[in-house]
C-alpha cells in the first residue's frame, strides 16, 4: 500500500511573496531550499553555495539524498529553491554573447524555482531586484507578470539534481 500524499501547503506564488518580503527586510536573500513532503516540510539555508555549476548540482543531489534517507518529510511533494542571480535580456533575434555575470547590461534577480513531484512540473518566478544608492534592496518587480504561470515550464538543473538525489536516497531504503 502506497502512502498518500498530503495537499501542498505552498504554491510558487506564496513562496515568491515570502521570498520578496524577506529580501526587502534583509537587503537580499540567502539561497534557500524549501522541501515539502507528505509527512512534513523543511526549510534550509545554503549560504555557502559552491562556485561552479557542477559543484552546486552535486550539493543539491547530496541534499536530496540526505533528506530521503532522513525520512522526516516522507514522499516528496514539491521543492523550491530561492536564490539571487544575474539575468541577461536578449533582443529578439539575438543570441546571448556572454554569461549574465559578465554582461554589462545584466539585471539582478531573485529567482524562485519550484518543482512539483506529483505533476512532474517545474515553474519559476523571476523578480528584478532594484537597489537604492546605499545598495539596499528597495523594490522587487515581477518580470513574468504578463504571463499565466500555469502555462510556463522551466528547466532547473539544480532541482533536477535534488530530485535525482532524493529518488536515489529513497531507493536505498527499499
N, C-alpha and C. Protein backbone atom coordinates (compact mmCIF):
# COMPACT_ATOMS: atom_id res chain seq x y z
N UNK A 1 0.84 -1.18 0.00
CA UNK A 1 0.00 0.00 0.00
C UNK A 1 0.89 1.24 0.00
N UNK A 2 0.64 2.16 -0.92
CA UNK A 2 1.42 3.38 -1.03
C UNK A 2 0.93 4.43 -0.03
N UNK A 3 1.87 5.13 0.63
CA UNK A 3 1.44 6.22 1.50
C UNK A 3 0.80 7.33 0.66
N UNK A 4 -0.27 7.91 1.18
CA UNK A 4 -0.93 9.00 0.47
C UNK A 4 -0.11 10.27 0.57
N UNK A 5 -0.21 11.08 -0.45
CA UNK A 5 0.44 12.40 -0.44
C UNK A 5 -0.53 13.40 0.14
N UNK A 6 -0.04 14.28 0.95
CA UNK A 6 -0.89 15.32 1.52
C UNK A 6 -0.99 16.49 0.55
N UNK A 7 -1.97 17.35 0.78
CA UNK A 7 -2.13 18.54 -0.05
C UNK A 7 -0.93 19.46 0.16
N UNK A 8 -0.52 20.14 -0.89
CA UNK A 8 0.62 21.03 -0.80
C UNK A 8 0.28 22.27 0.01
N UNK A 9 1.16 22.62 0.91
CA UNK A 9 1.00 23.80 1.75
C UNK A 9 1.40 25.06 1.00
N UNK A 10 2.35 24.94 0.10
CA UNK A 10 2.91 26.10 -0.61
C UNK A 10 2.51 26.10 -2.08
N UNK A 11 2.44 27.30 -2.62
CA UNK A 11 2.37 27.49 -4.07
C UNK A 11 3.59 28.31 -4.44
N UNK A 12 3.96 28.32 -5.70
CA UNK A 12 5.12 29.11 -6.10
C UNK A 12 4.87 30.59 -5.85
N UNK A 13 3.63 31.03 -6.03
CA UNK A 13 3.30 32.43 -5.78
C UNK A 13 3.46 32.79 -4.30
N UNK A 14 3.03 31.88 -3.43
CA UNK A 14 3.16 32.12 -1.98
C UNK A 14 4.65 32.16 -1.58
N UNK A 15 5.42 31.23 -2.10
CA UNK A 15 6.86 31.20 -1.81
C UNK A 15 7.53 32.48 -2.32
N UNK A 16 7.15 32.92 -3.53
CA UNK A 16 7.73 34.14 -4.09
C UNK A 16 7.39 35.35 -3.24
N UNK A 17 6.18 35.42 -2.73
CA UNK A 17 5.79 36.55 -1.88
C UNK A 17 6.58 36.55 -0.57
N UNK A 18 6.75 35.39 0.04
CA UNK A 18 7.55 35.27 1.27
C UNK A 18 9.00 35.66 0.98
N UNK A 19 9.55 35.17 -0.13
CA UNK A 19 10.93 35.49 -0.51
C UNK A 19 11.10 36.98 -0.76
N UNK A 20 10.12 37.58 -1.41
CA UNK A 20 10.17 39.02 -1.70
C UNK A 20 10.21 39.82 -0.41
N UNK A 21 9.35 39.49 0.54
CA UNK A 21 9.33 40.20 1.82
C UNK A 21 10.65 40.02 2.57
N UNK A 22 11.20 38.81 2.55
CA UNK A 22 12.48 38.55 3.23
C UNK A 22 13.61 39.35 2.58
N UNK A 23 13.62 39.41 1.25
CA UNK A 23 14.67 40.16 0.53
C UNK A 23 14.59 41.65 0.85
N UNK A 24 13.39 42.18 0.92
CA UNK A 24 13.22 43.59 1.26
C UNK A 24 13.66 43.87 2.70
N UNK A 25 13.31 42.96 3.59
CA UNK A 25 13.64 43.13 5.00
C UNK A 25 15.13 42.97 5.30
N UNK A 26 15.80 42.08 4.57
CA UNK A 26 17.20 41.74 4.87
C UNK A 26 18.19 42.18 3.79
N UNK A 27 17.75 43.03 2.87
CA UNK A 27 18.61 43.53 1.79
C UNK A 27 19.20 42.42 0.92
N UNK A 28 18.42 41.42 0.68
CA UNK A 28 18.85 40.31 -0.16
C UNK A 28 18.28 39.01 0.36
N UNK A 29 18.65 37.92 -0.27
CA UNK A 29 18.11 36.62 0.13
C UNK A 29 19.21 35.57 0.12
N UNK A 30 19.35 34.86 1.21
CA UNK A 30 20.29 33.74 1.30
C UNK A 30 19.70 32.60 0.47
N UNK A 31 20.51 31.88 -0.30
CA UNK A 31 19.97 30.73 -1.03
C UNK A 31 19.24 29.80 -0.06
N UNK A 32 18.03 29.44 -0.42
CA UNK A 32 17.15 28.70 0.48
C UNK A 32 16.45 27.57 -0.26
N UNK A 33 16.33 26.46 0.42
CA UNK A 33 15.64 25.28 -0.11
C UNK A 33 14.43 25.01 0.78
N UNK A 34 13.26 24.91 0.17
CA UNK A 34 12.03 24.54 0.88
C UNK A 34 11.57 23.22 0.30
N UNK A 35 11.45 22.21 1.15
CA UNK A 35 11.08 20.88 0.68
C UNK A 35 9.82 20.45 1.42
N UNK A 36 8.82 20.04 0.65
CA UNK A 36 7.55 19.64 1.22
C UNK A 36 7.25 18.19 0.83
N UNK A 37 6.93 17.40 1.83
CA UNK A 37 6.59 16.01 1.61
C UNK A 37 5.23 15.68 2.17
N UNK A 38 4.84 14.42 2.06
CA UNK A 38 3.54 14.01 2.57
C UNK A 38 3.52 13.88 4.09
N UNK A 39 4.69 13.88 4.72
CA UNK A 39 4.73 13.75 6.18
C UNK A 39 5.31 14.98 6.88
N UNK A 40 5.75 15.96 6.13
CA UNK A 40 6.30 17.16 6.75
C UNK A 40 7.06 18.00 5.75
N UNK A 41 7.52 19.14 6.24
CA UNK A 41 8.27 20.09 5.41
C UNK A 41 9.54 20.49 6.13
N UNK A 42 10.49 20.99 5.36
CA UNK A 42 11.71 21.52 5.95
C UNK A 42 12.20 22.69 5.11
N UNK A 43 12.85 23.62 5.79
CA UNK A 43 13.43 24.78 5.13
C UNK A 43 14.90 24.83 5.54
N UNK A 44 15.77 25.00 4.57
CA UNK A 44 17.19 25.09 4.88
C UNK A 44 17.85 26.21 4.10
N UNK A 45 18.77 26.89 4.77
CA UNK A 45 19.54 27.95 4.11
C UNK A 45 20.86 27.35 3.63
N UNK A 46 21.30 27.80 2.47
CA UNK A 46 22.53 27.30 1.85
C UNK A 46 23.45 28.49 1.60
N UNK A 47 24.01 29.09 2.66
CA UNK A 47 24.77 30.33 2.49
C UNK A 47 26.08 30.17 1.73
N UNK A 48 26.62 28.97 1.68
CA UNK A 48 27.93 28.75 1.05
C UNK A 48 27.80 27.89 -0.20
N UNK A 49 27.07 28.39 -1.19
CA UNK A 49 26.96 27.63 -2.44
C UNK A 49 28.32 27.53 -3.10
N UNK A 50 28.63 26.36 -3.64
CA UNK A 50 29.90 26.21 -4.35
C UNK A 50 29.99 27.15 -5.54
N UNK A 51 31.20 27.39 -6.01
CA UNK A 51 31.43 28.36 -7.07
C UNK A 51 31.13 27.90 -8.48
N UNK A 52 31.01 26.59 -8.70
CA UNK A 52 30.75 26.11 -10.05
C UNK A 52 29.36 25.48 -10.13
N UNK A 53 28.82 25.48 -11.33
CA UNK A 53 27.51 24.88 -11.55
C UNK A 53 27.53 23.39 -11.21
N UNK A 54 28.58 22.70 -11.65
CA UNK A 54 28.69 21.26 -11.38
C UNK A 54 28.71 20.98 -9.87
N UNK A 55 29.46 21.76 -9.13
CA UNK A 55 29.54 21.57 -7.67
C UNK A 55 28.20 21.88 -7.00
N UNK A 56 27.49 22.88 -7.51
CA UNK A 56 26.16 23.19 -6.96
C UNK A 56 25.19 22.03 -7.22
N UNK A 57 25.27 21.45 -8.40
CA UNK A 57 24.42 20.30 -8.71
C UNK A 57 24.75 19.12 -7.79
N UNK A 58 26.03 18.88 -7.56
CA UNK A 58 26.43 17.81 -6.65
C UNK A 58 25.92 18.05 -5.24
N UNK A 59 25.98 19.30 -4.79
CA UNK A 59 25.49 19.65 -3.46
C UNK A 59 23.97 19.41 -3.36
N UNK A 60 23.24 19.79 -4.41
CA UNK A 60 21.78 19.60 -4.40
C UNK A 60 21.44 18.11 -4.44
N UNK A 61 22.19 17.33 -5.19
CA UNK A 61 21.99 15.88 -5.23
C UNK A 61 22.18 15.30 -3.82
N UNK A 62 23.25 15.72 -3.17
CA UNK A 62 23.53 15.23 -1.81
C UNK A 62 22.43 15.65 -0.84
N UNK A 63 21.93 16.87 -0.97
CA UNK A 63 20.86 17.35 -0.09
C UNK A 63 19.60 16.51 -0.30
N UNK A 64 19.26 16.22 -1.56
CA UNK A 64 18.10 15.39 -1.84
C UNK A 64 18.24 14.00 -1.27
N UNK A 65 19.40 13.41 -1.45
CA UNK A 65 19.66 12.06 -0.94
C UNK A 65 19.58 12.04 0.59
N UNK A 66 20.17 13.04 1.23
CA UNK A 66 20.15 13.12 2.69
C UNK A 66 18.71 13.19 3.21
N UNK A 67 17.89 14.07 2.61
CA UNK A 67 16.50 14.21 3.08
C UNK A 67 15.68 12.95 2.85
N UNK A 68 15.95 12.24 1.77
CA UNK A 68 15.23 11.00 1.51
C UNK A 68 15.55 9.95 2.57
N UNK A 69 16.84 9.80 2.85
CA UNK A 69 17.28 8.80 3.84
C UNK A 69 16.83 9.21 5.25
N UNK A 70 16.87 10.50 5.53
CA UNK A 70 16.45 11.02 6.83
C UNK A 70 15.00 10.64 7.12
N UNK A 71 14.14 10.70 6.10
CA UNK A 71 12.77 10.23 6.24
C UNK A 71 11.77 11.18 6.85
N UNK A 72 12.20 12.32 7.35
CA UNK A 72 11.30 13.26 8.03
C UNK A 72 10.13 13.73 7.18
N UNK A 73 10.38 13.95 5.90
CA UNK A 73 9.32 14.53 5.08
C UNK A 73 8.48 13.48 4.37
N UNK A 74 8.90 12.21 4.41
CA UNK A 74 8.16 11.16 3.72
C UNK A 74 8.42 11.21 2.22
N UNK A 75 7.36 11.12 1.44
CA UNK A 75 7.46 11.20 -0.02
C UNK A 75 7.55 12.65 -0.44
N UNK A 76 8.32 12.91 -1.48
CA UNK A 76 8.50 14.27 -1.97
C UNK A 76 7.24 14.76 -2.69
N UNK A 77 6.68 15.87 -2.22
CA UNK A 77 5.57 16.53 -2.92
C UNK A 77 6.10 17.62 -3.84
N UNK A 78 6.91 18.52 -3.26
CA UNK A 78 7.45 19.61 -4.06
C UNK A 78 8.68 20.19 -3.37
N UNK A 79 9.48 20.88 -4.17
CA UNK A 79 10.70 21.51 -3.67
C UNK A 79 10.83 22.87 -4.34
N UNK A 80 11.30 23.85 -3.57
CA UNK A 80 11.53 25.21 -4.08
C UNK A 80 12.97 25.60 -3.75
N UNK A 81 13.59 26.33 -4.67
CA UNK A 81 14.92 26.87 -4.44
C UNK A 81 14.86 28.36 -4.73
N UNK A 82 15.31 29.14 -3.76
CA UNK A 82 15.29 30.60 -3.86
C UNK A 82 16.73 31.09 -3.82
N UNK A 83 17.11 31.92 -4.79
CA UNK A 83 18.46 32.47 -4.80
C UNK A 83 18.50 33.76 -5.61
N UNK A 84 19.55 34.52 -5.39
CA UNK A 84 19.80 35.70 -6.20
C UNK A 84 20.68 35.30 -7.37
N UNK A 85 20.59 36.06 -8.44
CA UNK A 85 21.43 35.78 -9.60
C UNK A 85 21.41 36.94 -10.57
N UNK A 86 22.06 36.71 -11.70
CA UNK A 86 22.10 37.70 -12.77
C UNK A 86 21.31 37.16 -13.95
N UNK A 87 20.72 38.07 -14.70
CA UNK A 87 19.98 37.68 -15.89
C UNK A 87 20.35 38.64 -17.02
N UNK A 88 20.57 38.08 -18.19
CA UNK A 88 20.77 38.89 -19.39
C UNK A 88 19.46 38.90 -20.16
N UNK A 89 19.16 40.02 -20.73
CA UNK A 89 17.97 40.13 -21.55
C UNK A 89 18.44 40.30 -22.99
N UNK A 90 18.03 39.37 -23.82
CA UNK A 90 18.46 39.45 -25.21
C UNK A 90 17.37 40.12 -26.04
N UNK A 91 17.80 40.78 -27.07
CA UNK A 91 16.86 41.39 -28.00
C UNK A 91 16.36 40.30 -28.94
N UNK A 92 15.15 40.46 -29.44
CA UNK A 92 14.57 39.46 -30.33
C UNK A 92 15.49 39.21 -31.52
N UNK A 93 15.74 37.93 -31.79
CA UNK A 93 16.59 37.56 -32.91
C UNK A 93 18.07 37.51 -32.58
N UNK A 94 18.45 37.98 -31.40
CA UNK A 94 19.86 37.98 -30.99
C UNK A 94 20.14 36.81 -30.07
N UNK A 95 21.36 36.30 -30.15
CA UNK A 95 21.80 35.28 -29.20
C UNK A 95 22.57 35.96 -28.08
N UNK A 96 22.55 35.33 -26.91
CA UNK A 96 23.36 35.85 -25.81
C UNK A 96 24.82 35.62 -26.14
N UNK A 97 25.64 36.65 -25.96
CA UNK A 97 27.05 36.56 -26.34
C UNK A 97 27.97 36.29 -25.16
N UNK A 98 27.45 36.45 -23.95
CA UNK A 98 28.28 36.28 -22.76
C UNK A 98 27.43 35.76 -21.61
N UNK A 99 28.09 35.27 -20.59
CA UNK A 99 27.39 34.84 -19.39
C UNK A 99 26.75 36.05 -18.72
N UNK A 100 25.59 35.87 -18.10
CA UNK A 100 24.95 37.01 -17.44
C UNK A 100 25.87 37.72 -16.45
N UNK A 101 26.71 36.98 -15.73
CA UNK A 101 27.59 37.61 -14.74
C UNK A 101 28.61 38.55 -15.38
N UNK A 102 28.87 38.39 -16.67
CA UNK A 102 29.84 39.22 -17.39
C UNK A 102 29.16 40.28 -18.28
N UNK A 103 27.86 40.24 -18.38
CA UNK A 103 27.10 41.15 -19.24
C UNK A 103 26.97 42.53 -18.58
N UNK A 104 27.47 43.59 -19.20
CA UNK A 104 27.36 44.92 -18.60
C UNK A 104 25.91 45.40 -18.49
N UNK A 105 25.00 44.81 -19.26
CA UNK A 105 23.59 45.21 -19.22
C UNK A 105 22.73 44.23 -18.42
N UNK A 106 23.37 43.39 -17.64
CA UNK A 106 22.64 42.40 -16.85
C UNK A 106 21.72 43.07 -15.83
N UNK A 107 20.75 42.28 -15.36
CA UNK A 107 19.91 42.74 -14.26
C UNK A 107 20.04 41.75 -13.12
N UNK A 108 19.91 42.25 -11.91
CA UNK A 108 19.96 41.41 -10.73
C UNK A 108 18.56 40.88 -10.47
N UNK A 109 18.46 39.58 -10.18
CA UNK A 109 17.15 38.97 -9.99
C UNK A 109 17.12 38.08 -8.75
N UNK A 110 15.93 37.95 -8.21
CA UNK A 110 15.64 36.94 -7.20
C UNK A 110 14.88 35.85 -7.94
N UNK A 111 15.41 34.63 -7.89
CA UNK A 111 14.82 33.51 -8.62
C UNK A 111 14.12 32.60 -7.62
N UNK A 112 12.86 32.31 -7.89
CA UNK A 112 12.11 31.35 -7.10
C UNK A 112 11.77 30.22 -8.05
N UNK A 113 12.43 29.09 -7.85
CA UNK A 113 12.30 27.95 -8.74
C UNK A 113 11.56 26.85 -8.00
N UNK A 114 10.59 26.22 -8.64
CA UNK A 114 9.82 25.18 -7.97
C UNK A 114 9.63 23.96 -8.84
N UNK A 115 9.53 22.80 -8.18
CA UNK A 115 9.27 21.54 -8.86
C UNK A 115 8.17 20.81 -8.11
N UNK A 116 7.11 20.45 -8.81
CA UNK A 116 6.00 19.68 -8.24
C UNK A 116 6.21 18.22 -8.63
N UNK A 117 6.50 17.38 -7.65
CA UNK A 117 6.82 15.98 -7.92
C UNK A 117 5.59 15.17 -8.32
N UNK A 118 4.40 15.65 -8.00
CA UNK A 118 3.19 14.94 -8.39
C UNK A 118 2.86 15.19 -9.87
N UNK A 119 3.03 16.44 -10.30
CA UNK A 119 2.71 16.81 -11.68
C UNK A 119 3.93 16.75 -12.60
N UNK A 120 5.11 16.48 -12.01
CA UNK A 120 6.37 16.46 -12.76
C UNK A 120 6.53 17.76 -13.55
N UNK A 121 6.39 18.86 -12.84
CA UNK A 121 6.29 20.18 -13.46
C UNK A 121 7.19 21.19 -12.75
N UNK A 122 8.04 21.87 -13.52
CA UNK A 122 8.89 22.96 -13.00
C UNK A 122 8.25 24.30 -13.31
N UNK A 123 8.38 25.24 -12.38
CA UNK A 123 7.96 26.62 -12.60
C UNK A 123 9.00 27.53 -11.97
N UNK A 124 9.08 28.75 -12.46
CA UNK A 124 9.98 29.72 -11.85
C UNK A 124 9.35 31.10 -11.91
N UNK A 125 9.69 31.89 -10.93
CA UNK A 125 9.32 33.30 -10.89
C UNK A 125 10.61 34.09 -10.79
N UNK A 126 10.74 35.10 -11.63
CA UNK A 126 11.92 35.96 -11.64
C UNK A 126 11.50 37.36 -11.20
N UNK A 127 12.12 37.84 -10.14
CA UNK A 127 11.84 39.18 -9.63
C UNK A 127 13.08 40.04 -9.81
N UNK A 128 12.95 41.13 -10.55
CA UNK A 128 14.08 42.04 -10.70
C UNK A 128 14.32 42.77 -9.39
N UNK A 129 15.57 42.77 -8.94
CA UNK A 129 15.96 43.44 -7.71
C UNK A 129 16.43 44.85 -8.05
N UNK A 130 15.83 45.83 -7.40
CA UNK A 130 16.28 47.21 -7.56
C UNK A 130 16.82 47.67 -6.21
N UNK A 131 17.98 48.34 -6.28
CA UNK A 131 18.64 48.80 -5.05
C UNK A 131 18.73 50.32 -5.04
N UNK A 132 18.76 50.88 -3.83
CA UNK A 132 18.89 52.33 -3.69
C UNK A 132 20.36 52.72 -3.73
N UNK A 133 20.64 53.99 -3.50
CA UNK A 133 22.03 54.49 -3.59
C UNK A 133 22.96 53.86 -2.56
N UNK A 134 22.40 53.32 -1.47
CA UNK A 134 23.22 52.64 -0.46
C UNK A 134 23.27 51.12 -0.68
N UNK A 135 22.82 50.68 -1.87
CA UNK A 135 22.85 49.27 -2.27
C UNK A 135 21.88 48.40 -1.48
N UNK A 136 20.88 49.01 -0.85
CA UNK A 136 19.85 48.25 -0.14
C UNK A 136 18.73 47.90 -1.12
N UNK A 137 18.16 46.72 -0.95
CA UNK A 137 17.04 46.32 -1.80
C UNK A 137 15.85 47.23 -1.47
N UNK A 138 15.34 47.90 -2.49
CA UNK A 138 14.21 48.82 -2.26
C UNK A 138 12.96 48.39 -3.02
N UNK A 139 13.12 47.52 -4.02
CA UNK A 139 11.96 47.11 -4.80
C UNK A 139 12.27 45.80 -5.52
N UNK A 140 11.25 44.97 -5.65
CA UNK A 140 11.34 43.75 -6.45
C UNK A 140 10.16 43.75 -7.41
N UNK A 141 10.45 43.61 -8.69
CA UNK A 141 9.43 43.66 -9.73
C UNK A 141 9.32 42.32 -10.42
N UNK A 142 8.12 41.80 -10.55
CA UNK A 142 7.88 40.52 -11.20
C UNK A 142 8.12 40.67 -12.70
N UNK A 143 9.11 39.96 -13.23
CA UNK A 143 9.41 40.03 -14.65
C UNK A 143 8.44 39.22 -15.51
N UNK A 144 7.65 38.35 -14.88
CA UNK A 144 6.73 37.48 -15.62
C UNK A 144 5.28 37.85 -15.41
N UNK A 145 5.01 39.05 -14.96
CA UNK A 145 3.64 39.40 -14.57
C UNK A 145 2.63 39.32 -15.72
N UNK A 146 3.09 39.36 -16.95
CA UNK A 146 2.17 39.32 -18.10
C UNK A 146 1.87 37.90 -18.57
N UNK A 147 2.42 36.88 -17.89
CA UNK A 147 2.23 35.51 -18.32
C UNK A 147 1.36 34.74 -17.33
N UNK A 148 0.67 33.73 -17.83
CA UNK A 148 -0.05 32.81 -16.97
C UNK A 148 0.95 31.73 -16.56
N UNK A 149 1.33 31.71 -15.31
CA UNK A 149 2.37 30.79 -14.84
C UNK A 149 2.02 29.32 -15.05
N UNK A 150 0.74 29.01 -15.11
CA UNK A 150 0.35 27.62 -15.29
C UNK A 150 0.80 27.09 -16.66
N UNK A 151 1.02 28.00 -17.60
CA UNK A 151 1.40 27.60 -18.95
C UNK A 151 2.90 27.62 -19.19
N UNK A 152 3.68 28.06 -18.20
CA UNK A 152 5.12 28.19 -18.38
C UNK A 152 5.83 27.09 -17.60
N UNK A 153 6.70 26.38 -18.28
CA UNK A 153 7.54 25.41 -17.58
C UNK A 153 8.99 25.84 -17.75
N UNK A 154 9.79 25.49 -16.79
CA UNK A 154 11.21 25.82 -16.82
C UNK A 154 12.01 24.55 -16.65
N UNK A 155 13.28 24.67 -16.86
CA UNK A 155 14.19 23.55 -16.70
C UNK A 155 15.23 23.97 -15.67
N UNK A 156 15.24 23.31 -14.53
CA UNK A 156 16.17 23.67 -13.48
C UNK A 156 17.12 22.52 -13.18
N UNK A 157 18.36 22.62 -13.64
CA UNK A 157 19.33 21.55 -13.35
C UNK A 157 19.54 21.33 -11.85
N UNK A 158 19.47 22.41 -11.06
CA UNK A 158 19.68 22.25 -9.62
C UNK A 158 18.54 21.47 -8.98
N UNK A 159 17.30 21.76 -9.36
CA UNK A 159 16.18 21.00 -8.81
C UNK A 159 16.15 19.58 -9.35
N UNK A 160 16.56 19.40 -10.61
CA UNK A 160 16.67 18.04 -11.17
C UNK A 160 17.66 17.22 -10.36
N UNK A 161 18.78 17.84 -9.99
CA UNK A 161 19.80 17.15 -9.20
C UNK A 161 19.25 16.80 -7.82
N UNK A 162 18.51 17.72 -7.20
CA UNK A 162 17.92 17.45 -5.89
C UNK A 162 16.96 16.26 -5.98
N UNK A 163 16.08 16.28 -6.97
CA UNK A 163 15.08 15.22 -7.13
C UNK A 163 15.77 13.88 -7.43
N UNK A 164 16.80 13.89 -8.27
CA UNK A 164 17.54 12.65 -8.56
C UNK A 164 18.18 12.11 -7.28
N UNK A 165 18.75 12.98 -6.48
CA UNK A 165 19.33 12.55 -5.21
C UNK A 165 18.27 12.01 -4.26
N UNK A 166 17.12 12.64 -4.23
CA UNK A 166 16.03 12.18 -3.37
C UNK A 166 15.58 10.79 -3.80
N UNK A 167 15.38 10.61 -5.10
CA UNK A 167 14.95 9.31 -5.61
C UNK A 167 15.98 8.22 -5.30
N UNK A 168 17.26 8.56 -5.49
CA UNK A 168 18.32 7.60 -5.21
C UNK A 168 18.33 7.25 -3.71
N UNK A 169 18.17 8.26 -2.87
CA UNK A 169 18.14 8.04 -1.43
C UNK A 169 16.97 7.14 -1.02
N UNK A 170 15.80 7.38 -1.61
CA UNK A 170 14.63 6.56 -1.30
C UNK A 170 14.83 5.13 -1.79
N UNK A 171 15.48 4.96 -2.95
CA UNK A 171 15.68 3.61 -3.49
C UNK A 171 16.61 2.79 -2.60
N UNK A 172 17.51 3.44 -1.89
CA UNK A 172 18.43 2.74 -0.99
C UNK A 172 17.68 2.17 0.22
N UNK A 173 16.52 2.75 0.52
CA UNK A 173 15.74 2.33 1.69
C UNK A 173 14.90 1.09 1.43
N UNK A 174 14.70 0.77 0.16
CA UNK A 174 13.80 -0.35 -0.18
C UNK A 174 14.55 -1.55 -0.68
